[in-house]
Amino acid sequence: MLDLPNEINYTLDKLYGCGYDAYLVGGAVRDTLMQKPAHDYDITTSATPAEVERVFAGHRVVKTGMKHGTVTVIVDGVPVEITSFRLESTYSDGRHPDAVTFSRDVKDDLCRRDLTINAVAYSKQKGYVDLFGGVSDIENRIIRCVGDPDDRFAEDHLRLLRAMRFSSVLGFTIEENTKEAIHRNRKYILTVSHERVFAELCKLLCGGNAKEILHEYSDVIFLLIPELAVQKGCEREYGDGGGYDLYEHTVNCISYTEPLLHLRLAALLHDTVKPSGADGADTLRIRDTVAANVLSRLRCSSALTDTVCRIIQHCDDEINGEDKVAVKRFASKVGIKTAKDVIKLKRADILAQDPRFYGRLAGLNAAYDIICEAEENGAALNVSDLAINGRDIISLGVKKGPVVGELLRYALDGVISDAVQNERDMLLKYVAAHIGVK
């Protein structure tokens, strides 16, 4: 017996009590078999959508997707998604079935699912229904398509990326036939909407097995992000004898970052311009633009795009913990959060190189500690943190205008460099001395 939330137990019992088969299916069953907390509970039933409505006549019922057999019932304020057993016809658009036929047999419903690990159903009355060896594949940590993988990928092109994503997130190995079918059918992924692709890619990137998937299925990734394809076979600029090309370096860099989306995206795109030969200030500008273009094409949000590009823009800045003032000035310029993220990316970039470069880590670690200390102590790193403001500057006889801001920034730099304490009287004297006011 699975330990299910009250609203899920109620829904299953209600359907069964009215004479219909009802099963929990998909992610919740898979996660429970893996002894992990379940979150998404999907119910499948022999009842048609109209019959589900009648069963739950006393509840609010939302017609989520009646055409495809899905309704949502609100039980004690909690939405519960219920889908009728169904058979599906061809998929002309590579995403949705052209027609759906409702069935009374759970076997028909499980046959249409993508992966064996997602095709195990559970009923309180009948236990597990496992037609395709999903339980065994979960135990052996294997990703395998239900039936013929070519057919499954032809039906729904996004399944290519879903299989890769599940392998990355769960740490499962994609079995040989499914793997070969992914490579063979990779061009299908170009027909899927950018929004859906990006959602799967984000989960893949943050998975514990991301490095292996990005290596093994680089041909799929290059279709999604052609800007990375030029890195394959491109010699490293460091001459470190690492024995791998720029794309391999990029993937290794990702594996050394925390599984946070903005950091993983920054690691993925931080070297996109290197093969073009651009360097110096132009490199920063071009790299920023390349990353922004990629993320825009993938329909990434503006906020996340800005965060990623800001990290990339400063990832070549010199940062060394031996110069505490310089580190604090850097944090002041880009913000504490960005400064910490830049250092995290720089550390990952070094760890992805030859070990002889690891000596650079000490300076970065020291810089990170300086920033953390400044953050914990509430150090003044922005003009708004100062004990004086524009009115105080004007009280010294300074006319309104840009010069007020310039003097506030002068005062801030004095605090950062420990030339003056962040106290009102001391700051006013410091500024007054600078402009020659007695």
Protein backbone atom coordinates (compact mmCIF):
# COMPACT_ATOMS: atom_id res chain seq x y z
CA MET A 1 0.00 0.00 0.00
CA LEU A 2 1.33 3.40 -0.99
CA ASP A 3 1.08 6.22 1.50
CA LEU A 4 -0.95 8.72 -0.53
CA PRO A 5 -2.33 12.18 0.27
CA ASN A 6 -5.93 12.23 1.49
CA GLU A 7 -7.27 13.89 -1.64
CA ILE A 8 -5.65 11.24 -3.87
CA ASN A 9 -6.98 8.37 -1.74
CA TYR A 10 -10.43 9.96 -1.77
CA THR A 11 -10.40 10.36 -5.57
CA LEU A 12 -9.27 6.78 -6.21
CA ASP A 13 -11.81 5.37 -3.73
CA LYS A 14 -14.61 7.49 -5.17
CA LEU A 15 -14.00 6.27 -8.72
CA TYR A 16 -13.60 2.64 -7.65
CA GLY A 17 -16.70 2.84 -5.47
CA CYS A 18 -18.71 3.98 -8.49
CA GLY A 19 -17.62 0.92 -10.47
CA TYR A 20 -14.66 2.31 -12.39
CA ASP A 21 -11.03 1.20 -12.42
CA ALA A 22 -8.72 3.91 -11.16
CA TYR A 23 -4.92 3.91 -10.98
CA LEU A 24 -2.14 6.20 -9.94
CA VAL A 25 0.34 6.40 -12.82
CA GLY A 26 3.52 8.15 -13.94
CA GLY A 27 5.94 10.12 -11.81
CA ALA A 28 4.36 9.47 -8.42
CA VAL A 29 4.55 5.70 -8.89
CA ARG A 30 8.09 5.92 -10.24
CA ASP A 31 9.29 8.13 -7.40
CA THR A 32 7.66 5.92 -4.77
CA LEU A 33 9.32 2.82 -6.22
CA MET A 34 12.62 4.72 -6.00
CA GLN A 35 11.79 5.50 -2.35
CA LYS A 36 11.73 9.19 -3.11
CA PRO A 37 9.07 11.72 -2.08
CA ALA A 38 6.30 11.91 -4.68
CA HIS A 39 4.97 15.27 -5.80
CA ASP A 40 2.87 14.98 -8.96
CA TYR A 41 -0.07 12.62 -8.67
CA ASP A 42 -1.76 11.67 -11.93
CA ILE A 43 -4.80 9.42 -11.93
CA THR A 44 -5.99 7.38 -14.90
CA THR A 45 -9.41 5.74 -14.98
CA SER A 46 -11.79 3.65 -17.05
CA ALA A 47 -14.40 6.37 -16.60
CA THR A 48 -14.92 8.74 -19.52
CA PRO A 49 -14.63 12.49 -18.87
CA ALA A 50 -18.42 12.77 -18.76
CA GLU A 51 -18.60 9.92 -16.26
CA VAL A 52 -15.87 11.55 -14.12
CA GLU A 53 -17.98 14.70 -14.02
CA ARG A 54 -20.98 12.72 -12.80
CA VAL A 55 -18.92 10.89 -10.14
CA PHE A 56 -17.71 14.21 -8.75
CA ALA A 57 -20.93 16.13 -9.24
CA GLY A 58 -20.60 17.72 -5.81
CA HIS A 59 -17.16 19.09 -6.52
CA ARG A 60 -15.82 21.80 -8.74
CA VAL A 61 -14.69 20.17 -11.98
CA VAL A 62 -12.41 21.97 -14.43
CA LYS A 63 -12.51 20.72 -18.03
CA THR A 64 -8.74 20.82 -18.43
CA GLY A 65 -8.49 18.88 -21.68
CA MET A 66 -11.76 17.14 -22.42
CA LYS A 67 -10.70 16.40 -26.01
CA HIS A 68 -7.84 14.28 -24.72
CA GLY A 69 -9.74 12.88 -21.76
CA THR A 70 -8.44 15.03 -18.91
CA VAL A 71 -10.46 16.79 -16.25
CA THR A 72 -9.34 18.34 -12.96
CA VAL A 73 -11.39 17.81 -9.83
CA ILE A 74 -10.94 20.13 -6.85
CA VAL A 75 -10.86 18.01 -3.69
CA ASP A 76 -10.61 19.94 -0.41
CA GLY A 77 -9.10 22.84 -2.34
CA VAL A 78 -6.49 20.63 -4.04
CA PRO A 79 -6.62 20.12 -7.83
CA VAL A 80 -6.48 16.43 -8.82
CA GLU A 81 -5.92 15.63 -12.50
CA ILE A 82 -7.84 12.64 -13.85
CA THR A 83 -7.35 11.22 -17.35
CA SER A 84 -9.45 8.54 -18.98
CA PHE A 85 -7.84 5.38 -20.38
CA ARG A 86 -7.30 6.10 -24.03
CA LEU A 87 -5.99 4.89 -27.34
CA GLU A 88 -4.27 7.38 -29.65
CA SER A 89 -4.10 7.61 -33.41
CA THR A 90 -1.22 9.00 -35.46
CA TYR A 91 0.65 12.17 -34.45
CA SER A 92 0.74 14.35 -37.56
CA ASP A 93 2.36 17.27 -35.77
CA GLY A 94 4.86 15.15 -33.82
CA ARG A 95 3.43 16.37 -30.54
CA HIS A 96 -0.33 15.66 -30.21
CA PRO A 97 -2.45 12.68 -31.32
CA ASP A 98 -4.79 13.40 -34.23
CA ALA A 99 -7.58 11.56 -32.46
CA VAL A 100 -8.25 9.95 -29.08
CA THR A 101 -10.47 6.95 -28.36
CA PHE A 102 -11.45 6.24 -24.78
CA SER A 103 -10.91 2.72 -23.45
CA ARG A 104 -11.99 0.61 -20.50
CA ASP A 105 -8.67 -1.25 -20.33
CA VAL A 106 -5.65 0.17 -18.49
CA LYS A 107 -3.37 -1.80 -20.82
CA ASP A 108 -4.39 0.44 -23.71
CA ASP A 109 -3.43 3.49 -21.69
CA LEU A 110 -0.03 2.20 -20.60
CA CYS A 111 0.90 1.22 -24.18
CA ARG A 112 0.86 4.86 -25.28
CA ARG A 113 3.31 6.10 -22.64
CA ASP A 114 6.88 7.16 -23.39
CA LEU A 115 9.23 5.31 -21.03
CA THR A 116 8.85 2.07 -19.12
CA ILE A 117 9.65 3.81 -15.84
CA ASN A 118 6.61 6.04 -16.43
CA ALA A 119 4.33 3.20 -17.53
CA VAL A 120 3.72 1.50 -14.19
CA ALA A 121 0.23 1.90 -12.73
CA TYR A 122 -0.86 1.34 -9.12
CA SER A 123 -4.27 0.57 -7.68
CA LYS A 124 -5.07 0.13 -4.00
CA GLN A 125 -7.28 -2.80 -4.91
CA LYS A 126 -5.16 -4.46 -7.64
CA GLY A 127 -1.62 -3.41 -6.81
CA TYR A 128 0.90 -2.69 -9.57
CA VAL A 129 0.27 -3.12 -13.29
CA ASP A 130 3.65 -3.39 -15.00
CA LEU A 131 3.40 -4.53 -18.61
CA PHE A 132 6.76 -3.35 -19.88
CA GLY A 133 9.24 -4.13 -17.11
CA GLY A 134 9.20 -0.64 -15.64
CA VAL A 135 9.78 -1.86 -12.09
CA SER A 136 12.83 -3.83 -13.21
CA ASP A 137 14.15 -0.84 -15.17
CA ILE A 138 13.75 1.36 -12.11
CA GLU A 139 15.62 -1.18 -9.98
CA ASN A 140 18.39 -1.44 -12.60
CA ARG A 141 18.41 2.31 -13.29
CA ILE A 142 17.63 2.06 -17.00
CA ILE A 143 15.85 4.45 -19.36
CA ARG A 144 13.96 2.48 -22.03
CA CYS A 145 11.13 3.40 -24.38
CA VAL A 146 7.83 1.56 -24.23
CA GLY A 147 7.84 -0.70 -27.29
CA ASP A 148 9.66 0.50 -30.42
CA PRO A 149 11.66 3.67 -29.61
CA ASP A 150 11.42 4.90 -33.22
CA ASP A 151 7.62 4.78 -32.97
CA ARG A 152 7.59 6.54 -29.61
CA PHE A 153 9.84 9.36 -30.84
CA ALA A 154 7.87 9.70 -34.10
CA GLU A 155 4.67 10.13 -32.08
CA ASP A 156 6.01 12.85 -29.80
CA HIS A 157 9.28 14.49 -30.80
CA LEU A 158 9.85 15.99 -27.35
CA ARG A 159 10.33 12.46 -26.00
CA LEU A 160 13.88 12.56 -27.38
CA LEU A 161 14.79 15.26 -24.90
CA ARG A 162 12.64 13.78 -22.14
CA ALA A 163 14.61 10.54 -22.26
CA MET A 164 17.85 12.52 -22.02
CA ARG A 165 16.45 14.64 -19.21
CA PHE A 166 15.32 11.65 -17.14
CA SER A 167 18.75 10.07 -17.57
CA SER A 168 20.43 13.27 -16.38
CA VAL A 169 18.11 13.90 -13.43
CA LEU A 170 17.73 10.31 -12.23
CA GLY A 171 21.24 9.15 -13.06
CA PHE A 172 19.85 6.26 -15.12
CA THR A 173 21.58 4.77 -18.18
CA ILE A 174 19.76 4.98 -21.52
CA GLU A 175 19.62 1.45 -22.95
CA GLU A 176 21.21 0.80 -26.32
CA ASN A 177 18.14 0.64 -28.60
CA THR A 178 16.69 3.81 -27.11
CA LYS A 179 20.08 5.54 -27.33
CA GLU A 180 20.53 4.64 -30.98
CA ALA A 181 17.00 5.83 -31.75
CA ILE A 182 17.72 9.20 -30.13
CA HIS A 183 20.74 9.72 -32.37
CA ARG A 184 18.89 8.40 -35.41
CA ASN A 185 15.83 10.61 -34.90
CA ARG A 186 17.57 13.68 -33.50
CA LYS A 187 16.24 16.03 -36.18
CA TYR A 188 12.75 15.56 -34.77
CA ILE A 189 13.71 17.90 -31.95
CA LEU A 190 13.79 20.84 -34.39
CA THR A 191 10.00 20.62 -34.75
CA VAL A 192 9.32 21.15 -31.04
CA SER A 193 8.48 24.59 -29.69
CA HIS A 194 11.37 26.49 -28.13
CA GLU A 195 9.46 26.86 -24.86
CA ARG A 196 9.10 23.09 -24.41
CA VAL A 197 12.68 22.45 -25.47
CA PHE A 198 14.01 25.01 -23.01
CA ALA A 199 11.95 23.58 -20.13
CA GLU A 200 13.45 20.11 -20.71
CA LEU A 201 16.95 21.48 -21.32
CA CYS A 202 16.89 23.38 -18.03
CA LYS A 203 16.04 20.22 -16.08
CA LEU A 204 18.67 18.27 -18.00
CA LEU A 205 21.38 20.82 -17.26
CA CYS A 206 20.67 20.72 -13.53
CA GLY A 207 20.73 16.93 -13.33
CA GLY A 208 23.51 15.05 -11.63
CA ASN A 209 24.23 13.14 -14.85
CA ALA A 210 24.31 16.24 -17.09
CA LYS A 211 27.98 15.86 -18.00
CA GLU A 212 27.53 12.36 -19.40
CA ILE A 213 24.37 13.28 -21.34
CA LEU A 214 25.88 16.41 -22.86
CA HIS A 215 28.89 14.38 -23.98
CA GLU A 216 26.98 11.38 -25.35
CA TYR A 217 24.25 13.38 -27.08
CA SER A 218 26.22 16.35 -28.31
CA ASP A 219 24.65 15.84 -31.77
CA VAL A 220 21.23 16.63 -30.27
CA ILE A 221 22.53 19.56 -28.24
CA PHE A 222 24.23 21.07 -31.33
CA LEU A 223 20.90 21.07 -33.17
CA LEU A 224 19.37 23.05 -30.31
CA ILE A 225 22.38 25.36 -29.84
CA PRO A 226 24.44 25.49 -33.05
CA GLU A 227 26.72 28.03 -31.39
CA LEU A 228 28.20 25.15 -29.39
CA ALA A 229 28.83 22.94 -32.42
CA VAL A 230 31.89 24.97 -33.50
CA GLN A 231 33.55 24.06 -30.21
CA LYS A 232 33.73 20.39 -31.19
CA GLY A 233 37.26 19.66 -32.30
CA CYS A 234 38.38 23.19 -31.51
CA GLU A 235 41.75 23.19 -29.77
CA ARG A 236 41.93 24.63 -26.30
CA GLU A 237 43.59 28.02 -26.08
CA TYR A 238 45.45 27.17 -22.88
CA GLY A 239 47.78 24.56 -24.34
CA ASP A 240 47.29 22.58 -21.14
CA GLY A 241 47.63 19.16 -22.71
CA GLY A 242 44.27 18.18 -21.28
CA GLY A 243 43.50 16.01 -24.27
CA TYR A 244 40.02 17.41 -24.90
CA ASP A 245 38.48 20.10 -27.08
CA LEU A 246 36.61 23.27 -26.16
CA TYR A 247 33.20 21.58 -26.05
CA GLU A 248 34.49 18.95 -23.65
CA HIS A 249 35.94 21.75 -21.54
CA THR A 250 32.55 23.47 -21.52
CA VAL A 251 30.77 20.30 -20.41
CA ASN A 252 33.36 19.63 -17.73
CA CYS A 253 32.97 23.21 -16.53
CA ILE A 254 29.23 22.64 -16.12
CA SER A 255 29.89 19.59 -13.95
CA TYR A 256 31.90 21.72 -11.52
CA THR A 257 29.14 24.28 -10.95
CA GLU A 258 26.33 23.99 -8.46
CA PRO A 259 23.13 22.58 -10.00
CA LEU A 260 21.60 26.06 -10.16
CA LEU A 261 20.06 26.97 -13.50
CA HIS A 262 21.64 30.42 -13.94
CA LEU A 263 25.12 29.03 -13.16
CA ARG A 264 24.70 26.00 -15.43
CA LEU A 265 23.49 28.18 -18.30
CA ALA A 266 26.41 30.58 -17.77
CA ALA A 267 28.84 27.65 -17.82
CA LEU A 268 27.21 26.25 -20.96
CA LEU A 269 27.50 29.53 -22.87
CA HIS A 270 30.56 31.22 -21.39
CA ASP A 271 32.92 30.07 -24.13
CA THR A 272 30.62 30.32 -27.13
CA VAL A 273 32.76 32.93 -28.92
CA LYS A 274 36.21 31.44 -28.36
CA PRO A 275 36.44 29.64 -31.73
CA SER A 276 35.88 32.93 -33.61
CA GLY A 277 39.23 34.24 -32.38
CA ALA A 278 37.78 37.36 -30.75
CA ASP A 279 39.58 38.53 -27.65
CA GLY A 280 39.91 41.38 -25.19
CA ALA A 281 37.05 43.83 -24.71
CA ASP A 282 35.43 42.67 -27.93
CA THR A 283 35.27 39.13 -26.57
CA LEU A 284 33.23 40.25 -23.58
CA ARG A 285 30.82 42.17 -25.75
CA ILE A 286 30.45 39.41 -28.35
CA ARG A 287 30.12 36.64 -25.79
CA ASP A 288 27.45 38.58 -24.00
CA THR A 289 25.57 39.00 -27.26
CA VAL A 290 25.92 35.35 -28.29
CA ALA A 291 24.59 34.15 -24.95
CA ALA A 292 21.72 36.63 -25.09
CA ASN A 293 20.81 35.55 -28.62
CA VAL A 294 20.82 31.87 -27.68
CA LEU A 295 18.67 32.41 -24.60
CA SER A 296 16.29 34.70 -26.46
CA ARG A 297 15.84 32.10 -29.18
CA LEU A 298 15.08 29.47 -26.53
CA ARG A 299 12.46 31.79 -25.00
CA CYS A 300 14.36 32.22 -21.74
CA SER A 301 12.89 34.92 -19.50
CA SER A 302 14.44 38.39 -19.66
CA ALA A 303 15.36 38.27 -15.97
CA LEU A 304 17.21 34.96 -16.26
CA THR A 305 18.88 36.06 -19.51
CA ASP A 306 20.14 39.24 -17.84
CA THR A 307 21.50 37.25 -14.89
CA VAL A 308 23.32 34.74 -17.09
CA CYS A 309 24.77 37.37 -19.42
CA ARG A 310 25.95 39.50 -16.54
CA ILE A 311 27.93 36.56 -15.14
CA ILE A 312 29.42 35.82 -18.56
CA GLN A 313 30.25 39.48 -19.13
CA HIS A 314 32.54 39.52 -16.09
CA CYS A 315 33.89 35.96 -16.12
CA ASP A 316 37.24 37.14 -17.53
CA ASP A 317 37.69 39.95 -14.99
CA GLU A 318 40.83 39.63 -12.88
CA ILE A 319 39.85 38.77 -9.29
CA ASN A 320 42.47 38.05 -6.64
CA GLY A 321 41.91 37.79 -2.93
CA GLU A 322 45.33 39.30 -2.23
CA ASP A 323 43.87 42.73 -3.06
CA LYS A 324 40.96 43.12 -0.66
CA VAL A 325 40.08 46.62 -1.84
CA ALA A 326 39.99 45.54 -5.49
CA VAL A 327 37.71 42.63 -4.59
CA LYS A 328 35.30 44.91 -2.75
CA ARG A 329 35.36 47.37 -5.65
CA PHE A 330 34.45 44.53 -7.98
CA ALA A 331 31.55 43.49 -5.74
CA SER A 332 30.47 47.11 -5.59
CA LYS A 333 30.51 47.38 -9.39
CA VAL A 334 28.58 44.21 -10.23
CA GLY A 335 26.68 43.50 -7.01
CA ILE A 336 27.40 40.90 -4.33
CA LYS A 337 25.29 38.11 -5.86
CA THR A 338 26.80 38.51 -9.32
CA ALA A 339 30.31 38.78 -7.86
CA LYS A 340 29.86 35.48 -6.01
CA ASP A 341 28.41 33.80 -9.12
CA VAL A 342 31.30 35.06 -11.27
CA ILE A 343 33.80 33.56 -8.84
CA LYS A 344 31.88 30.27 -8.83
CA LEU A 345 32.04 30.15 -12.63
CA LYS A 346 35.73 31.07 -12.68
CA ARG A 347 36.46 28.30 -10.16
CA ALA A 348 34.56 25.78 -12.27
CA ASP A 349 36.43 26.94 -15.36
CA ILE A 350 39.78 26.35 -13.62
CA LEU A 351 38.73 22.93 -12.29
CA ALA A 352 37.82 21.95 -15.86
CA GLN A 353 41.40 22.69 -16.96
CA ASP A 354 44.66 20.89 -16.40
CA PRO A 355 45.47 20.47 -12.65
CA ARG A 356 48.57 22.64 -12.99
CA PHE A 357 46.24 25.65 -13.16
CA TYR A 358 44.61 24.81 -9.83
CA GLY A 359 46.98 27.21 -8.07
CA ARG A 360 44.69 30.01 -9.21
CA LEU A 361 41.94 28.69 -6.97
CA ALA A 362 43.51 30.05 -3.79
CA GLY A 363 43.14 33.66 -4.93
CA LEU A 364 39.53 33.10 -6.00
CA ASN A 365 38.65 31.37 -2.74
CA ALA A 366 40.15 34.25 -0.79
CA ALA A 367 38.17 36.72 -2.89
CA TYR A 368 34.97 34.77 -2.26
CA ASP A 369 35.61 34.87 1.49
CA ILE A 370 36.16 38.64 1.33
CA ILE A 371 32.82 39.14 -0.40
CA CYS A 372 31.01 36.84 2.04
CA GLU A 373 32.53 38.69 4.98
CA ALA A 374 31.49 42.05 3.53
CA GLU A 375 27.97 40.71 3.01
CA GLU A 376 27.71 39.31 6.54
CA ASN A 377 29.04 42.51 8.10
CA GLY A 378 26.74 44.74 6.07
CA ALA A 379 29.70 46.59 4.55
CA ALA A 380 28.91 49.61 2.40
CA LEU A 381 29.27 48.53 -1.22
CA ASN A 382 26.62 50.78 -2.73
CA VAL A 383 25.92 54.50 -2.47
CA SER A 384 22.63 53.64 -0.78
CA ASP A 385 24.63 51.98 2.03
CA LEU A 386 26.41 55.22 2.95
CA ALA A 387 25.64 57.16 6.11
CA ILE A 388 25.22 60.30 3.96
CA ASN A 389 23.04 61.13 0.99
CA GLY A 390 22.65 63.73 -1.69
CA ARG A 391 21.12 66.30 0.65
CA ASP A 392 24.18 66.05 2.88
CA ILE A 393 26.45 66.72 -0.08
CA ILE A 394 24.36 69.75 -1.06
CA SER A 395 24.63 71.05 2.52
CA LEU A 396 28.36 71.44 1.85
CA GLY A 397 27.52 74.09 -0.74
CA VAL A 398 27.55 71.77 -3.76
CA LYS A 399 25.01 72.64 -6.46
CA LYS A 400 22.47 70.06 -7.54
CA GLY A 401 23.56 68.02 -10.54
CA PRO A 402 25.78 65.11 -11.57
CA VAL A 403 28.55 66.27 -9.26
CA VAL A 404 26.45 65.19 -6.25
CA GLY A 405 26.48 61.59 -7.48
CA GLU A 406 30.17 61.79 -8.27
CA LEU A 407 30.95 62.91 -4.72
CA LEU A 408 28.81 60.16 -3.23
CA ARG A 409 30.73 57.62 -5.29
CA TYR A 410 33.98 59.25 -4.10
CA ALA A 411 32.80 58.79 -0.51
CA LEU A 412 31.84 55.18 -1.22
CA ASP A 413 35.27 54.43 -2.66
CA GLY A 414 36.80 55.95 0.46
CA VAL A 415 34.79 53.55 2.62
CA ILE A 416 35.65 50.58 0.42
CA SER A 417 39.35 51.41 0.51
CA ASP A 418 39.23 51.95 4.31
CA ALA A 419 40.26 55.59 3.89
CA VAL A 420 37.26 56.68 5.96
CA GLN A 421 34.67 55.03 8.17
CA ASN A 422 31.03 54.91 7.15
CA GLU A 423 29.92 57.51 9.70
CA ARG A 424 28.12 60.72 8.77
CA ASP A 425 30.46 63.29 10.30
CA MET A 426 33.58 61.52 9.07
CA LEU A 427 32.20 61.17 5.55
CA LEU A 428 31.21 64.84 5.38
CA LYS A 429 34.69 65.88 6.48
CA TYR A 430 36.20 63.48 3.93
CA VAL A 431 34.14 64.91 1.07
CA ALA A 432 34.64 68.50 2.26
CA ALA A 433 38.40 68.04 2.24
CA HIS A 434 38.18 66.64 -1.28
CA ILE A 435 36.31 69.69 -2.64
CA GLY A 436 38.27 72.21 -0.55
CA VAL A 437 35.48 73.21 1.85
CA LYS A 438 36.62 74.15 5.35
